[in-house]
PDB file of N, CA and C in Angstrom:
ATOM      1  N   MET A   1       0.769  -1.299  -0.085  1.00  0.00           N
ATOM      2  CA  MET A   1      -0.034   0.098  -0.077  1.00  0.00           C
ATOM      3  C   MET A   1       0.773   1.211   0.051  1.00  0.00           C
ATOM      4  N   TYR A   2       2.126   1.134  -0.254  1.00  0.00           N
ATOM      5  CA  TYR A   2       3.108   2.285  -0.205  1.00  0.00           C
ATOM      6  C   TYR A   2       2.676   3.431  -1.238  1.00  0.00           C
ATOM      7  N   TYR A   3       2.258   2.995  -2.398  1.00  0.00           N
ATOM      8  CA  TYR A   3       1.930   3.856  -3.604  1.00  0.00           C
ATOM      9  C   TYR A   3       0.439   4.521  -3.071  1.00  0.00           C
ATOM     10  N   VAL A   4      -0.414   4.110  -2.652  1.00  0.00           N
ATOM     11  CA  VAL A   4      -1.590   4.578  -2.121  1.00  0.00           C
ATOM     12  C   VAL A   4      -1.535   5.492  -0.991  1.00  0.00           C
ATOM     13  N   GLY A   5      -0.563   5.227  -0.125  1.00  0.00           N
ATOM     14  CA  GLY A   5      -0.327   5.896   1.055  1.00  0.00           C
ATOM     15  C   GLY A   5      -1.101   5.358   2.401  1.00  0.00           C
ATOM     16  N   PHE A   6      -1.563   4.268   2.227  1.00  0.00           N
ATOM     17  CA  PHE A   6      -2.234   3.604   3.313  1.00  0.00           C
ATOM     18  C   PHE A   6      -1.152   3.060   4.487  1.00  0.00           C
ATOM     19  N   THR A   7      -1.605   2.999   5.633  1.00  0.00           N
ATOM     20  CA  THR A   7      -0.747   2.377   6.740  1.00  0.00           C
ATOM     21  C   THR A   7      -1.264   1.037   6.741  1.00  0.00           C
ATOM     22  N   TYR A   8      -0.360   0.091   7.316  1.00  0.00           N
ATOM     23  CA  TYR A   8      -0.615  -1.265   7.550  1.00  0.00           C
ATOM     24  C   TYR A   8      -1.998  -1.673   8.052  1.00  0.00           C
ATOM     25  N   THR A   9      -2.372  -0.808   9.042  1.00  0.00           N
ATOM     26  CA  THR A   9      -3.615  -1.099   9.846  1.00  0.00           C
ATOM     27  C   THR A   9      -4.965  -0.844   8.917  1.00  0.00           C
ATOM     28  N   GLU A  10      -4.846   0.392   8.182  1.00  0.00           N
ATOM     29  CA  GLU A  10      -5.806   0.843   7.091  1.00  0.00           C
ATOM     30  C   GLU A  10      -5.999  -0.032   6.129  1.00  0.00           C
ATOM     31  N   SER A  11      -4.849  -0.479   5.504  1.00  0.00           N
ATOM     32  CA  SER A  11      -4.957  -1.527   4.662  1.00  0.00           C
ATOM     33  C   SER A  11      -5.535  -2.899   4.905  1.00  0.00           C
ATOM     34  N   TYR A  12      -5.234  -3.407   6.048  1.00  0.00           N
ATOM     35  CA  TYR A  12      -5.627  -4.586   6.598  1.00  0.00           C
ATOM     36  C   TYR A  12      -7.365  -4.480   6.875  1.00  0.00           C
ATOM     37  N   ASN A  13      -7.525  -3.335   7.449  1.00  0.00           N
ATOM     38  CA  ASN A  13      -9.086  -3.114   7.476  1.00  0.00           C
ATOM     39  C   ASN A  13     -10.142  -2.916   6.353  1.00  0.00           C
ATOM     40  N   LEU A  14      -9.390  -2.770   5.249  1.00  0.00           N
ATOM     41  CA  LEU A  14     -10.239  -2.679   4.071  1.00  0.00           C
ATOM     42  C   LEU A  14     -10.998  -4.052   3.546  1.00  0.00           C
ATOM     43  N   PRO A  15     -12.138  -3.809   3.011  1.00  0.00           N
ATOM     44  CA  PRO A  15     -12.834  -4.824   2.536  1.00  0.00           C
ATOM     45  C   PRO A  15     -11.794  -5.565   1.563  1.00  0.00           C
ATOM     46  N   VAL A  16     -11.977  -6.912   1.159  1.00  0.00           N
ATOM     47  CA  VAL A  16     -11.239  -7.555   0.094  1.00  0.00           C
ATOM     48  C   VAL A  16     -11.533  -7.124  -1.266  1.00  0.00           C
ATOM     49  N   TRP A  17     -12.701  -6.553  -1.522  1.00  0.00           N
ATOM     50  CA  TRP A  17     -12.974  -6.186  -2.820  1.00  0.00           C
ATOM     51  C   TRP A  17     -12.246  -4.863  -3.161  1.00  0.00           C
ATOM     52  N   GLN A  18     -12.077  -4.197  -2.158  1.00  0.00           N
ATOM     53  CA  GLN A  18     -11.574  -2.670  -2.201  1.00  0.00           C
ATOM     54  C   GLN A  18      -9.774  -2.903  -2.298  1.00  0.00           C
ATOM     55  N   ARG A  19      -9.498  -3.968  -1.505  1.00  0.00           N
ATOM     56  CA  ARG A  19      -7.869  -4.300  -1.874  1.00  0.00           C
ATOM     57  C   ARG A  19      -7.381  -4.907  -3.214  1.00  0.00           C
ATOM     58  N   ILE A  20      -8.468  -5.784  -3.548  1.00  0.00           N
ATOM     59  CA  ILE A  20      -8.224  -6.281  -4.946  1.00  0.00           C
ATOM     60  C   ILE A  20      -8.346  -5.040  -6.054  1.00  0.00           C
ATOM     61  N   TRP A  21      -9.336  -3.937  -5.779  1.00  0.00           N
ATOM     62  CA  TRP A  21      -9.550  -2.926  -6.845  1.00  0.00           C
ATOM     63  C   TRP A  21      -8.391  -2.054  -6.757  1.00  0.00           C
ATOM     64  N   PHE A  22      -7.758  -1.723  -5.653  1.00  0.00           N
ATOM     65  CA  PHE A  22      -6.486  -0.919  -5.378  1.00  0.00           C
ATOM     66  C   PHE A  22      -5.281  -1.599  -6.024  1.00  0.00           C
ATOM     67  N   ILE A  23      -5.058  -2.969  -5.980  1.00  0.00           N
ATOM     68  CA  ILE A  23      -4.102  -3.552  -6.480  1.00  0.00           C
ATOM     69  C   ILE A  23      -4.103  -3.491  -8.144  1.00  0.00           C
ATOM     70  N   GLU A  24      -5.437  -3.798  -8.755  1.00  0.00           N
ATOM     71  CA  GLU A  24      -5.673  -3.755 -10.124  1.00  0.00           C
ATOM     72  C   GLU A  24      -5.248  -2.493 -10.578  1.00  0.00           C
ATOM     73  N   ARG A  25      -5.802  -1.413  -9.840  1.00  0.00           N
ATOM     74  CA  ARG A  25      -5.667  -0.021 -10.363  1.00  0.00           C
ATOM     75  C   ARG A  25      -4.139   0.409 -10.374  1.00  0.00           C
ATOM     76  N   THR A  26      -3.470   0.122  -9.404  1.00  0.00           N
ATOM     77  CA  THR A  26      -2.033   0.306  -9.320  1.00  0.00           C
ATOM     78  C   THR A  26      -1.218  -0.407 -10.352  1.00  0.00           C
ATOM     79  N   ASN A  27      -1.597  -1.534 -10.703  1.00  0.00           N
ATOM     80  CA  ASN A  27      -0.959  -2.498 -11.886  1.00  0.00           C
ATOM     81  C   ASN A  27      -1.388  -1.576 -13.051  1.00  0.00           C
ATOM     82  N   GLU A  28      -2.642  -1.151 -13.346  1.00  0.00           N
ATOM     83  CA  GLU A  28      -2.775  -0.412 -14.523  1.00  0.00           C
ATOM     84  C   GLU A  28      -2.101   0.763 -14.772  1.00  0.00           C
ATOM     85  N   GLU A  29      -1.711   1.447 -13.841  1.00  0.00           N
ATOM     86  CA  GLU A  29      -1.094   2.668 -13.706  1.00  0.00           C
ATOM     87  C   GLU A  29       0.375   2.567 -14.092  1.00  0.00           C
ATOM     88  N   PHE A  30       0.927   1.424 -13.369  1.00  0.00           N
ATOM     89  CA  PHE A  30       2.298   0.974 -13.629  1.00  0.00           C
ATOM     90  C   PHE A  30       2.466   0.718 -15.189  1.00  0.00           C
ATOM     91  N   LYS A  31       1.575   0.103 -15.649  1.00  0.00           N
ATOM     92  CA  LYS A  31       1.577  -0.357 -17.205  1.00  0.00           C
ATOM     93  C   LYS A  31       1.558   0.743 -18.016  1.00  0.00           C
ATOM     94  N   LYS A  32       0.601   1.675 -17.706  1.00  0.00           N
ATOM     95  CA  LYS A  32       0.617   2.993 -18.431  1.00  0.00           C
ATOM     96  C   LYS A  32       1.840   3.657 -18.518  1.00  0.00           C
ATOM     97  N   ALA A  33       2.592   3.933 -17.364  1.00  0.00           N
ATOM     98  CA  ALA A  33       3.684   4.492 -17.268  1.00  0.00           C
ATOM     99  C   ALA A  33       4.722   3.687 -17.869  1.00  0.00           C
ATOM    100  N   GLN A  34       4.893   2.547 -17.844  1.00  0.00           N
ATOM    101  CA  GLN A  34       5.927   1.693 -18.521  1.00  0.00           C
ATOM    102  C   GLN A  34       5.796   1.888 -19.876  1.00  0.00           C
ATOM    103  N   ASP A  35       4.453   1.776 -20.591  1.00  0.00           N
ATOM    104  CA  ASP A  35       4.543   2.161 -21.862  1.00  0.00           C
ATOM    105  C   ASP A  35       4.898   3.540 -22.259  1.00  0.00           C
ATOM    106  N   ALA A  36       4.455   4.491 -21.473  1.00  0.00           N
ATOM    107  CA  ALA A  36       5.029   5.924 -21.792  1.00  0.00           C
ATOM    108  C   ALA A  36       6.321   5.920 -21.799  1.00  0.00           C
ATOM    109  N   ASN A  37       6.790   5.336 -20.904  1.00  0.00           N
ATOM    110  CA  ASN A  37       8.346   5.413 -20.845  1.00  0.00           C
ATOM    111  C   ASN A  37       9.219   4.730 -21.940  1.00  0.00           C
ATOM    112  N   SER A  38       8.774   3.437 -22.184  1.00  0.00           N
ATOM    113  CA  SER A  38       9.281   2.516 -23.094  1.00  0.00           C
ATOM    114  C   SER A  38      10.875   2.278 -22.966  1.00  0.00           C
ATOM    115  N   ASP A  39      11.382   2.823 -22.178  1.00  0.00           N
ATOM    116  CA  ASP A  39      12.772   2.490 -21.878  1.00  0.00           C
ATOM    117  C   ASP A  39      12.857   1.417 -20.694  1.00  0.00           C
ATOM    118  N   ALA A  40      13.388   0.405 -21.083  1.00  0.00           N
ATOM    119  CA  ALA A  40      13.549  -0.859 -19.824  1.00  0.00           C
ATOM    120  C   ALA A  40      14.211  -0.423 -18.727  1.00  0.00           C
ATOM    121  N   SER A  41      15.202   0.663 -18.914  1.00  0.00           N
ATOM    122  CA  SER A  41      16.140   1.013 -17.699  1.00  0.00           C
ATOM    123  C   SER A  41      15.429   1.848 -16.660  1.00  0.00           C
ATOM    124  N   ARG A  42      14.414   2.367 -17.206  1.00  0.00           N
ATOM    125  CA  ARG A  42      13.881   3.485 -16.291  1.00  0.00           C
ATOM    126  C   ARG A  42      12.810   3.023 -15.376  1.00  0.00           C
ATOM    127  N   ALA A  43      12.532   3.397 -14.271  1.00  0.00           N
ATOM    128  CA  ALA A  43      11.563   2.823 -13.401  1.00  0.00           C
ATOM    129  C   ALA A  43      10.256   3.364 -13.920  1.00  0.00           C
ATOM    130  N   ALA A  44       9.184   3.038 -13.348  1.00  0.00           N
ATOM    131  CA  ALA A  44       7.772   3.449 -13.654  1.00  0.00           C
ATOM    132  C   ALA A  44       7.339   4.720 -13.062  1.00  0.00           C
ATOM    133  N   HIS A  45       8.203   5.151 -12.269  1.00  0.00           N
ATOM    134  CA  HIS A  45       7.806   6.514 -11.599  1.00  0.00           C
ATOM    135  C   HIS A  45       9.028   7.460 -11.702  1.00  0.00           C
ATOM    136  N   ALA A  46       8.890   8.648 -11.653  1.00  0.00           N
ATOM    137  CA  ALA A  46      10.102   9.743 -11.463  1.00  0.00           C
ATOM    138  C   ALA A  46      10.154   9.899  -9.983  1.00  0.00           C
ATOM    139  N   ASN A  47      10.978   8.984  -9.331  1.00  0.00           N
ATOM    140  CA  ASN A  47      10.937   9.248  -7.760  1.00  0.00           C
ATOM    141  C   ASN A  47      12.310   9.704  -7.296  1.00  0.00           C
ATOM    142  N   SER A  48      13.246  10.321  -8.271  1.00  0.00           N
ATOM    143  CA  SER A  48      14.294  10.907  -7.592  1.00  0.00           C
ATOM    144  C   SER A  48      14.010  12.394  -7.210  1.00  0.00           C
ATOM    145  N   ALA A  49      14.951  12.771  -6.215  1.00  0.00           N
ATOM    146  CA  ALA A  49      14.715  14.092  -5.595  1.00  0.00           C
ATOM    147  C   ALA A  49      14.856  15.370  -6.610  1.00  0.00           C
ATOM    148  N   ASP A  50      15.660  15.016  -7.565  1.00  0.00           N
ATOM    149  CA  ASP A  50      16.006  16.105  -8.521  1.00  0.00           C
ATOM    150  C   ASP A  50      14.618  16.266  -9.272  1.00  0.00           C
ATOM    151  N   GLN A  51      14.105  15.286  -9.928  1.00  0.00           N
ATOM    152  CA  GLN A  51      12.938  15.369 -10.785  1.00  0.00           C
ATOM    153  C   GLN A  51      11.686  15.875  -9.943  1.00  0.00           C
ATOM    154  N   ARG A  52      11.548  15.547  -8.581  1.00  0.00           N
ATOM    155  CA  ARG A  52      10.505  15.974  -8.114  1.00  0.00           C
ATOM    156  C   ARG A  52      10.746  17.579  -7.686  1.00  0.00           C
ATOM    157  N   ALA A  53      11.859  18.156  -7.283  1.00  0.00           N
ATOM    158  CA  ALA A  53      12.065  19.607  -7.246  1.00  0.00           C
ATOM    159  C   ALA A  53      11.994  20.140  -8.365  1.00  0.00           C
ATOM    160  N   MET A  54      12.210  19.882  -9.619  1.00  0.00           N
ATOM    161  CA  MET A  54      12.143  20.515 -10.814  1.00  0.00           C
ATOM    162  C   MET A  54      10.621  20.673 -11.077  1.00  0.00           C
ATOM    163  N   ARG A  55       9.832  19.994 -10.764  1.00  0.00           N
ATOM    164  CA  ARG A  55       8.388  19.699 -10.858  1.00  0.00           C
ATOM    165  C   ARG A  55       7.544  20.454  -9.847  1.00  0.00           C
ATOM    166  N   GLY A  56       8.358  20.916  -8.754  1.00  0.00           N
ATOM    167  CA  GLY A  56       7.749  21.745  -7.729  1.00  0.00           C
ATOM    168  C   GLY A  56       7.065  20.716  -6.661  1.00  0.00           C
ATOM    169  N   MET A  57       7.341  19.468  -6.864  1.00  0.00           N
ATOM    170  CA  MET A  57       6.586  18.560  -5.941  1.00  0.00           C
ATOM    171  C   MET A  57       7.457  18.180  -4.735  1.00  0.00           C
ATOM    172  N   ALA A  58       8.640  18.756  -4.584  1.00  0.00           N
ATOM    173  CA  ALA A  58       9.560  18.315  -3.568  1.00  0.00           C
ATOM    174  C   ALA A  58       8.875  18.589  -2.044  1.00  0.00           C
ATOM    175  N   ARG A  59       9.084  17.686  -1.053  1.00  0.00           N
ATOM    176  CA  ARG A  59       8.634  18.070   0.258  1.00  0.00           C
ATOM    177  C   ARG A  59       9.836  18.005   1.330  1.00  0.00           C
ATOM    178  N   ASP A  60       9.563  18.961   2.392  1.00  0.00           N
ATOM    179  CA  ASP A  60      10.497  19.164   3.209  1.00  0.00           C
ATOM    180  C   ASP A  60      10.545  17.903   4.118  1.00  0.00           C
ATOM    181  N   GLN A  61       9.509  17.604   4.501  1.00  0.00           N
ATOM    182  CA  GLN A  61       9.427  16.581   5.342  1.00  0.00           C
ATOM    183  C   GLN A  61       8.472  15.431   4.830  1.00  0.00           C
ATOM    184  N   VAL A  62       8.500  14.122   5.244  1.00  0.00           N
ATOM    185  CA  VAL A  62       7.751  13.062   4.793  1.00  0.00           C
ATOM    186  C   VAL A  62       6.481  13.131   5.685  1.00  0.00           C
ATOM    187  N   PRO A  63       5.215  12.902   5.112  1.00  0.00           N
ATOM    188  CA  PRO A  63       4.089  12.856   5.857  1.00  0.00           C
ATOM    189  C   PRO A  63       4.200  11.904   7.106  1.00  0.00           C
ATOM    190  N   SER A  64       3.732  12.472   8.291  1.00  0.00           N
ATOM    191  CA  SER A  64       4.012  11.797   9.573  1.00  0.00           C
ATOM    192  C   SER A  64       3.574  10.232   9.533  1.00  0.00           C
ATOM    193  N   ARG A  65       2.420  10.091   8.800  1.00  0.00           N
ATOM    194  CA  ARG A  65       1.988   8.628   8.872  1.00  0.00           C
ATOM    195  C   ARG A  65       2.684   7.714   8.120  1.00  0.00           C
ATOM    196  N   LEU A  66       3.701   8.286   7.199  1.00  0.00           N
ATOM    197  CA  LEU A  66       4.485   7.398   6.508  1.00  0.00           C
ATOM    198  C   LEU A  66       6.009   7.307   7.019  1.00  0.00           C
ATOM    199  N   ARG A  67       6.201   8.007   8.203  1.00  0.00           N
ATOM    200  CA  ARG A  67       7.530   8.007   8.840  1.00  0.00           C
ATOM    201  C   ARG A  67       7.745   6.471   9.364  1.00  0.00           C
ATOM    202  N   ARG A  68       8.946   5.867   9.278  1.00  0.00           N
ATOM    203  CA  ARG A  68       8.965   4.683   9.808  1.00  0.00           C
ATOM    204  C   ARG A  68       9.621   4.709  11.308  1.00  0.00           C
ATOM    205  N   PHE A  69      10.761   5.832  11.330  1.00  0.00           N
ATOM    206  CA  PHE A  69      11.329   5.887  12.570  1.00  0.00           C
ATOM    207  C   PHE A  69      11.136   7.335  13.011  1.00  0.00           C
ATOM    208  N   THR A  70      11.028   7.642  14.214  1.00  0.00           N
ATOM    209  CA  THR A  70      10.949   9.105  14.443  1.00  0.00           C
ATOM    210  C   THR A  70      12.228   9.553  15.662  1.00  0.00           C
TER     211      THR A  70
END
């Protein structure tokens, strides 16, 4: 549930049909991104800090619910 932003507890408490829908939807998005990139060496997402900063999507801090260690 990393890409959707759910915590373990939230994903555990989801009904099964919603879990399946989220997994299928995430797979569709990865396939679309992979087709758009068409270069096998690139990842399906632009997750480097430089790319996020250039698009104005950089964060100063990670959201609190996604922090592993405080």
